[in-house]
Amino acid sequence: MYGFRYHLVTVVSFFMALGIGLLLGGSIGQDVFSKQQAQLFSKLEEKYATVKVENSRLSKKAEELAKREKEVESALAQIGSHSVEERLQGKKIVLINLNHSNIDFLVQILHTAGAEIQGTISVKDPSVFTPGSSSKEFVQAFAIDDNPRNVQVFAQAAETLANELCGETDGHWIENMVSHGWLERFGTFGTSPDAVIVVGGATQETQGRVRAFDIPLIQTLCRKGVKIIGVERGDAPVSTLDSYAEQGISTVDSVNETIGGVALVDVINGAKGHFGARRTAETLLPDVSQKREALR
C-alpha cells in the first residue's frame, strides 16, 4: 500500500499541473483572441473606408440629379407657360379653396393663360366644416339644431354658398362667414362664371368635410349647370379627387406643378377626364384629339 505522503504528493502534483495548464492555455487563448480581434477590427476599418467612399460618390450623384431636376423643372415651367399663354382669354373663373392650400401657382397659371379670376373663396379652418369639429356658433348660424354632427348643417351651408356664387341670393351668407373668420373672400360674385375650380385635399382630421360639405357644394353647382373642376395639390395628405370624380366632374391633381397646370387649362377649355401624376389620374394630360375638340 502507498503511504499518506505518496497520496499527498500525487494530489499536489495534480493541482500544480492543472494550474500550469490553465495558465499556459489562458495565455495562448488570449493571444489567439487578440489576433482574431485585430483581424476583425481591420476588416471593419476596410468596410468603413469602402462605405465612406461609396457614400461620397452617391452624395455627389444626388447633388447632380437634384441640379438636373431643377433644370428640368425650370424648362417645363417655361414650356408650360408658353403652351397655355392666352388660351383662357375672356374666361371668368371662381376659385373655392376648401383645404386652405397654397394656390399661388394655380393663380399664376390661370393669369398666364389669360383667365379672369372673378373671385376666390378660401376656407380658413377646414375643421369648421367637419362634422364633430365645428363650433356651436357655426351650427347655430343655420338654425337647424345644436348637434354639430348633423350633416344637414353642412349640406345647407354648401347649397347656400352655391346659390350666392350664382347670384341667386344677396351674398349675406358669405359676408357672415367672413365676419366670423371662417372664410376669406376676394373679388366679386353674383354672375355665373365660366368655371368653378374646387381646390380639395384634406388631412386625416378634416376628411369628414368631403362628404358633409364638398359633395353637396359640387352637386348643387352641377344642378345649376355650372362647369365644376375638382383639383388638389400633389402633396395633399388625403386625396379627395375620387369622391369628386364620383359626381361626374373632371379632376386634376398636382395643380401646384406645371403638368397639373397645363392639364387644368385643357379641362377648362373642354377636355374631360382625370389628369395629373397621382393615383387618381387616368393620364398626365388630355390627348391631342381632346385638345382639338376643345378648341372647336
Protein backbone atom coordinates (compact mmCIF):
# COMPACT_ATOMS: atom_id res chain seq x y z
CA MET A 1 0.00 0.00 0.00
CA TYR A 2 1.02 3.55 -0.69
CA GLY A 3 1.61 5.83 2.24
CA PHE A 4 0.00 9.12 3.08
CA ARG A 5 2.96 11.12 1.77
CA TYR A 6 2.64 9.46 -1.64
CA HIS A 7 -1.01 10.44 -1.90
CA LEU A 8 -0.27 13.95 -0.74
CA VAL A 9 2.49 14.42 -3.32
CA THR A 10 0.22 12.99 -6.02
CA VAL A 11 -2.62 15.41 -5.20
CA VAL A 12 -0.30 18.42 -5.02
CA SER A 13 1.34 17.43 -8.32
CA PHE A 14 -2.06 17.10 -9.98
CA PHE A 15 -3.19 20.56 -8.94
CA MET A 16 0.16 22.09 -9.86
CA ALA A 17 -0.08 20.54 -13.32
CA LEU A 18 -3.66 21.78 -13.64
CA GLY A 19 -2.67 25.29 -12.61
CA ILE A 20 0.25 25.38 -15.04
CA GLY A 21 -2.02 24.10 -17.81
CA LEU A 22 -4.64 26.74 -17.14
CA LEU A 23 -2.01 29.45 -17.05
CA LEU A 24 -0.41 28.37 -20.33
CA GLY A 25 -3.78 27.76 -22.01
CA GLY A 26 -5.11 31.13 -20.93
CA SER A 27 -2.06 32.93 -22.27
CA ILE A 28 -2.21 31.12 -25.59
CA GLY A 29 -6.01 31.61 -25.85
CA GLN A 30 -5.70 35.27 -25.06
CA ASP A 31 -3.07 35.67 -27.72
CA VAL A 32 -5.27 33.90 -30.29
CA PHE A 33 -8.27 36.05 -29.30
CA SER A 34 -6.19 39.22 -29.62
CA LYS A 35 -5.14 38.23 -33.13
CA GLN A 36 -8.74 37.45 -34.13
CA GLN A 37 -9.91 40.73 -32.64
CA ALA A 38 -7.24 42.64 -34.55
CA GLN A 39 -8.27 40.93 -37.79
CA LEU A 40 -11.94 41.80 -37.14
CA PHE A 41 -11.12 45.44 -36.47
CA SER A 42 -9.02 45.54 -39.62
CA LYS A 43 -11.92 44.20 -41.72
CA LEU A 44 -14.34 46.69 -40.13
CA GLU A 45 -11.98 49.55 -40.94
CA GLU A 46 -11.76 48.38 -44.55
CA LYS A 47 -15.55 48.17 -44.80
CA TYR A 48 -15.95 51.60 -43.21
CA ALA A 49 -13.50 53.10 -45.71
CA THR A 50 -15.33 51.43 -48.61
CA VAL A 51 -18.74 52.62 -47.38
CA LYS A 52 -17.40 56.14 -46.85
CA VAL A 53 -16.13 56.30 -50.43
CA GLU A 54 -19.44 54.94 -51.75
CA ASN A 55 -21.47 57.43 -49.70
CA SER A 56 -19.35 60.27 -51.03
CA ARG A 57 -19.93 59.07 -54.61
CA LEU A 58 -23.70 58.73 -54.06
CA SER A 59 -23.86 62.14 -52.40
CA LYS A 60 -22.22 63.76 -55.43
CA LYS A 61 -24.57 61.83 -57.72
CA ALA A 62 -27.59 63.01 -55.71
CA GLU A 63 -26.40 66.62 -55.97
CA GLU A 64 -26.03 66.25 -59.74
CA LEU A 65 -29.51 64.71 -60.05
CA ALA A 66 -31.04 67.45 -57.89
CA LYS A 67 -29.39 70.08 -60.09
CA ARG A 68 -30.69 68.40 -63.24
CA GLU A 69 -34.16 68.07 -61.73
CA LYS A 70 -34.25 71.82 -61.08
CA GLU A 71 -33.13 72.46 -64.63
CA VAL A 72 -35.86 70.17 -66.00
CA GLU A 73 -38.49 71.79 -63.75
CA SER A 74 -37.40 75.22 -64.94
CA ALA A 75 -37.58 74.13 -68.57
CA LEU A 76 -41.01 72.54 -68.05
CA ALA A 77 -42.28 75.70 -66.37
CA GLN A 78 -41.18 77.79 -69.35
CA ILE A 79 -42.66 75.32 -71.84
CA GLY A 80 -45.85 75.14 -69.79
CA SER A 81 -46.20 78.92 -69.72
CA HIS A 82 -45.80 79.13 -73.50
CA SER A 83 -48.25 76.27 -74.10
CA VAL A 84 -51.07 77.86 -72.07
CA GLU A 85 -50.45 81.52 -72.88
CA GLU A 86 -53.70 83.37 -73.68
CA ARG A 87 -55.63 80.11 -74.08
CA LEU A 88 -58.24 81.16 -71.50
CA GLN A 89 -58.69 84.68 -72.79
CA GLY A 90 -62.09 86.02 -71.66
CA LYS A 91 -62.85 83.10 -69.33
CA LYS A 92 -64.21 84.02 -65.89
CA ILE A 93 -63.10 81.70 -63.11
CA VAL A 94 -64.10 81.31 -59.46
CA LEU A 95 -61.76 79.50 -57.08
CA ILE A 96 -63.06 77.76 -53.95
CA ASN A 97 -60.19 76.66 -51.73
CA LEU A 98 -61.62 74.12 -49.27
CA ASN A 99 -58.38 72.89 -47.71
CA HIS A 100 -56.68 76.26 -47.11
CA SER A 101 -53.96 75.18 -49.55
CA ASN A 102 -51.31 77.40 -51.09
CA ILE A 103 -52.75 78.09 -54.55
CA ASP A 104 -50.25 80.71 -55.76
CA PHE A 105 -49.05 78.54 -58.67
CA LEU A 106 -52.65 77.84 -59.69
CA VAL A 107 -53.44 81.56 -59.76
CA GLN A 108 -50.26 82.25 -61.72
CA ILE A 109 -51.02 79.66 -64.43
CA LEU A 110 -54.58 80.99 -64.82
CA HIS A 111 -53.31 84.54 -65.21
CA THR A 112 -50.71 83.38 -67.75
CA ALA A 113 -53.50 81.69 -69.69
CA GLY A 114 -55.41 84.99 -69.76
CA ALA A 115 -58.27 83.98 -67.47
CA GLU A 116 -60.07 86.49 -65.29
CA ILE A 117 -60.27 85.28 -61.71
CA GLN A 118 -63.66 86.63 -60.81
CA GLY A 119 -63.35 85.73 -57.16
CA THR A 120 -61.69 83.47 -54.62
CA ILE A 121 -63.23 81.94 -51.51
CA SER A 122 -60.91 80.20 -49.09
CA VAL A 123 -61.89 78.18 -46.02
CA LYS A 124 -59.61 79.45 -43.25
CA ASP A 125 -60.11 76.44 -40.98
CA PRO A 126 -61.35 73.25 -42.72
CA SER A 127 -62.32 71.69 -39.37
CA VAL A 128 -65.17 74.22 -39.11
CA PHE A 129 -66.84 72.36 -41.98
CA THR A 130 -66.14 68.92 -40.50
CA PRO A 131 -68.92 67.12 -38.55
CA GLY A 132 -68.00 66.76 -34.90
CA SER A 133 -65.37 69.50 -35.02
CA SER A 134 -67.45 72.56 -35.83
CA SER A 135 -68.06 75.32 -33.37
CA LYS A 136 -71.56 75.57 -31.90
CA GLU A 137 -71.71 79.12 -33.25
CA PHE A 138 -71.30 77.82 -36.80
CA VAL A 139 -74.05 75.24 -36.34
CA GLN A 140 -76.44 77.80 -34.85
CA ALA A 141 -75.82 80.10 -37.83
CA PHE A 142 -78.03 77.75 -39.84
CA ALA A 143 -80.65 77.32 -37.11
CA ILE A 144 -81.11 73.58 -37.61
CA ASP A 145 -80.24 72.23 -34.16
CA ASP A 146 -77.39 72.24 -31.68
CA ASN A 147 -75.87 68.97 -32.84
CA PRO A 148 -72.62 69.67 -34.73
CA ARG A 149 -72.72 66.12 -36.14
CA ASN A 150 -75.92 66.84 -38.07
CA VAL A 151 -74.75 66.73 -41.68
CA GLN A 152 -77.77 68.78 -42.78
CA VAL A 153 -75.96 71.80 -41.38
CA PHE A 154 -73.13 71.40 -43.84
CA ALA A 155 -75.32 70.47 -46.79
CA GLN A 156 -77.36 73.64 -46.24
CA ALA A 157 -74.19 75.71 -45.92
CA ALA A 158 -72.87 74.26 -49.19
CA GLU A 159 -76.13 74.91 -51.04
CA THR A 160 -76.27 78.47 -49.73
CA LEU A 161 -72.71 79.13 -50.91
CA ALA A 162 -73.52 77.72 -54.35
CA ASN A 163 -76.62 79.94 -54.62
CA GLU A 164 -74.65 83.04 -53.73
CA LEU A 165 -71.88 82.22 -56.20
CA CYS A 166 -74.51 82.12 -58.93
CA GLY A 167 -76.12 85.39 -57.82
CA GLU A 168 -79.36 83.82 -56.61
CA THR A 169 -79.12 85.43 -53.14
CA ASP A 170 -77.85 88.72 -51.79
CA GLY A 171 -74.42 87.47 -50.63
CA HIS A 172 -75.31 87.77 -46.95
CA TRP A 173 -74.16 84.26 -46.08
CA ILE A 174 -70.65 84.75 -47.46
CA GLU A 175 -70.32 88.07 -45.65
CA ASN A 176 -71.48 86.41 -42.42
CA MET A 177 -68.90 83.65 -42.78
CA VAL A 178 -66.18 86.22 -43.47
CA SER A 179 -67.14 88.31 -40.44
CA HIS A 180 -66.87 85.24 -38.19
CA GLY A 181 -63.42 84.47 -39.58
CA TRP A 182 -64.49 81.18 -41.21
CA LEU A 183 -63.91 82.28 -44.80
CA GLU A 184 -61.65 84.63 -46.74
CA ARG A 185 -63.13 86.33 -49.77
CA PHE A 186 -61.53 88.19 -52.66
CA GLY A 187 -63.24 89.54 -55.75
CA THR A 188 -66.90 89.81 -56.65
CA PHE A 189 -69.65 87.25 -57.04
CA GLY A 190 -73.16 87.25 -58.36
CA THR A 191 -72.81 86.26 -62.01
CA SER A 192 -72.28 82.68 -63.15
CA PRO A 193 -68.60 82.09 -64.04
CA ASP A 194 -67.36 80.00 -66.96
CA ALA A 195 -65.88 77.54 -64.48
CA VAL A 196 -65.66 76.97 -60.74
CA ILE A 197 -62.45 75.32 -59.61
CA VAL A 198 -62.86 73.47 -56.31
CA VAL A 199 -59.48 73.04 -54.62
CA GLY A 200 -59.79 69.96 -52.44
CA GLY A 201 -57.48 67.72 -50.50
CA ALA A 202 -57.78 67.05 -46.78
CA THR A 203 -55.99 65.77 -43.70
CA GLN A 204 -56.89 62.76 -41.57
CA GLU A 205 -58.65 65.15 -39.18
CA THR A 206 -60.69 67.02 -41.80
CA GLN A 207 -61.56 64.34 -44.37
CA GLY A 208 -65.10 64.17 -42.92
CA ARG A 209 -65.62 67.56 -44.57
CA VAL A 210 -65.65 65.96 -48.04
CA ARG A 211 -68.97 64.12 -47.75
CA ALA A 212 -70.53 66.72 -45.47
CA PHE A 213 -69.68 69.89 -47.40
CA ASP A 214 -67.64 69.41 -50.59
CA ILE A 215 -70.01 66.94 -52.26
CA PRO A 216 -73.24 68.92 -51.58
CA LEU A 217 -71.48 72.04 -52.93
CA ILE A 218 -70.43 70.25 -56.13
CA GLN A 219 -73.85 68.65 -56.56
CA THR A 220 -75.67 71.96 -56.18
CA LEU A 221 -73.41 73.74 -58.68
CA CYS A 222 -73.79 70.85 -61.14
CA ARG A 223 -77.58 71.11 -60.92
CA LYS A 224 -77.28 74.77 -61.84
CA GLY A 225 -75.32 73.87 -64.96
CA VAL A 226 -72.06 75.39 -63.72
CA LYS A 227 -68.84 73.80 -65.01
CA ILE A 228 -67.01 72.33 -62.00
CA ILE A 229 -63.43 71.10 -61.95
CA GLY A 230 -62.00 69.35 -58.89
CA VAL A 231 -58.30 69.89 -58.25
CA GLU A 232 -55.74 69.44 -55.48
CA ARG A 233 -52.04 69.88 -54.83
CA GLY A 234 -49.71 66.95 -55.42
CA ASP A 235 -48.74 66.93 -51.74
CA ALA A 236 -52.28 66.77 -50.30
CA PRO A 237 -52.12 64.36 -47.30
CA VAL A 238 -55.52 62.85 -48.16
CA SER A 239 -56.83 62.96 -51.73
CA THR A 240 -60.45 63.97 -52.29
CA LEU A 241 -60.48 63.56 -56.08
CA ASP A 242 -62.00 60.07 -56.11
CA SER A 243 -65.03 61.46 -54.28
CA TYR A 244 -65.21 64.41 -56.66
CA ALA A 245 -64.94 62.17 -59.72
CA GLU A 246 -67.93 60.17 -58.48
CA GLN A 247 -70.02 63.31 -59.07
CA GLY A 248 -69.25 63.16 -62.79
CA ILE A 249 -66.81 66.07 -62.92
CA SER A 250 -63.29 66.21 -64.35
CA THR A 251 -60.37 66.31 -61.92
CA VAL A 252 -56.73 67.38 -62.00
CA ASP A 253 -54.14 66.59 -59.36
CA SER A 254 -50.75 68.24 -58.83
CA VAL A 255 -52.02 71.71 -59.79
CA ASN A 256 -49.03 73.15 -57.94
CA GLU A 257 -46.86 71.70 -60.72
CA THR A 258 -46.53 72.50 -64.43
CA ILE A 259 -48.17 69.27 -65.64
CA GLY A 260 -51.23 69.86 -63.48
CA GLY A 261 -51.50 73.50 -64.55
CA VAL A 262 -51.38 72.67 -68.26
CA ALA A 263 -53.96 69.89 -67.82
CA LEU A 264 -56.27 72.27 -65.95
CA VAL A 265 -56.20 74.79 -68.81
CA ASP A 266 -57.16 71.99 -71.21
CA VAL A 267 -60.06 70.92 -68.96
CA ILE A 268 -61.37 74.49 -68.64
CA ASN A 269 -61.34 74.59 -72.43
CA GLY A 270 -63.45 71.46 -72.67
CA ALA A 271 -61.29 68.36 -72.20
CA LYS A 272 -62.84 65.72 -69.93
CA GLY A 273 -61.30 63.11 -67.68
CA HIS A 274 -58.95 62.77 -64.74
CA PHE A 275 -55.42 64.07 -65.23
CA GLY A 276 -52.17 64.53 -63.35
CA ALA A 277 -49.42 62.43 -61.78
CA ARG A 278 -51.10 60.75 -58.82
CA ARG A 279 -53.14 57.58 -58.37
CA THR A 280 -56.44 59.32 -59.19
CA ALA A 281 -55.30 60.28 -62.70
CA GLU A 282 -56.00 58.33 -65.87
CA THR A 283 -53.28 60.11 -67.87
CA LEU A 284 -50.88 63.01 -67.39
CA LEU A 285 -52.57 65.26 -69.96
CA PRO A 286 -55.60 65.17 -72.27
CA ASP A 287 -54.70 63.60 -75.62
CA VAL A 288 -54.35 65.67 -78.76
CA SER A 289 -57.83 64.77 -80.07
CA GLN A 290 -59.41 66.14 -76.88
CA LYS A 291 -57.44 69.36 -77.22
CA ARG A 292 -58.55 69.78 -80.82
CA GLU A 293 -62.16 69.09 -79.90
CA ALA A 294 -61.96 71.62 -77.05
CA LEU A 295 -60.68 74.34 -79.41
CA ARG A 296 -63.57 73.97 -81.88
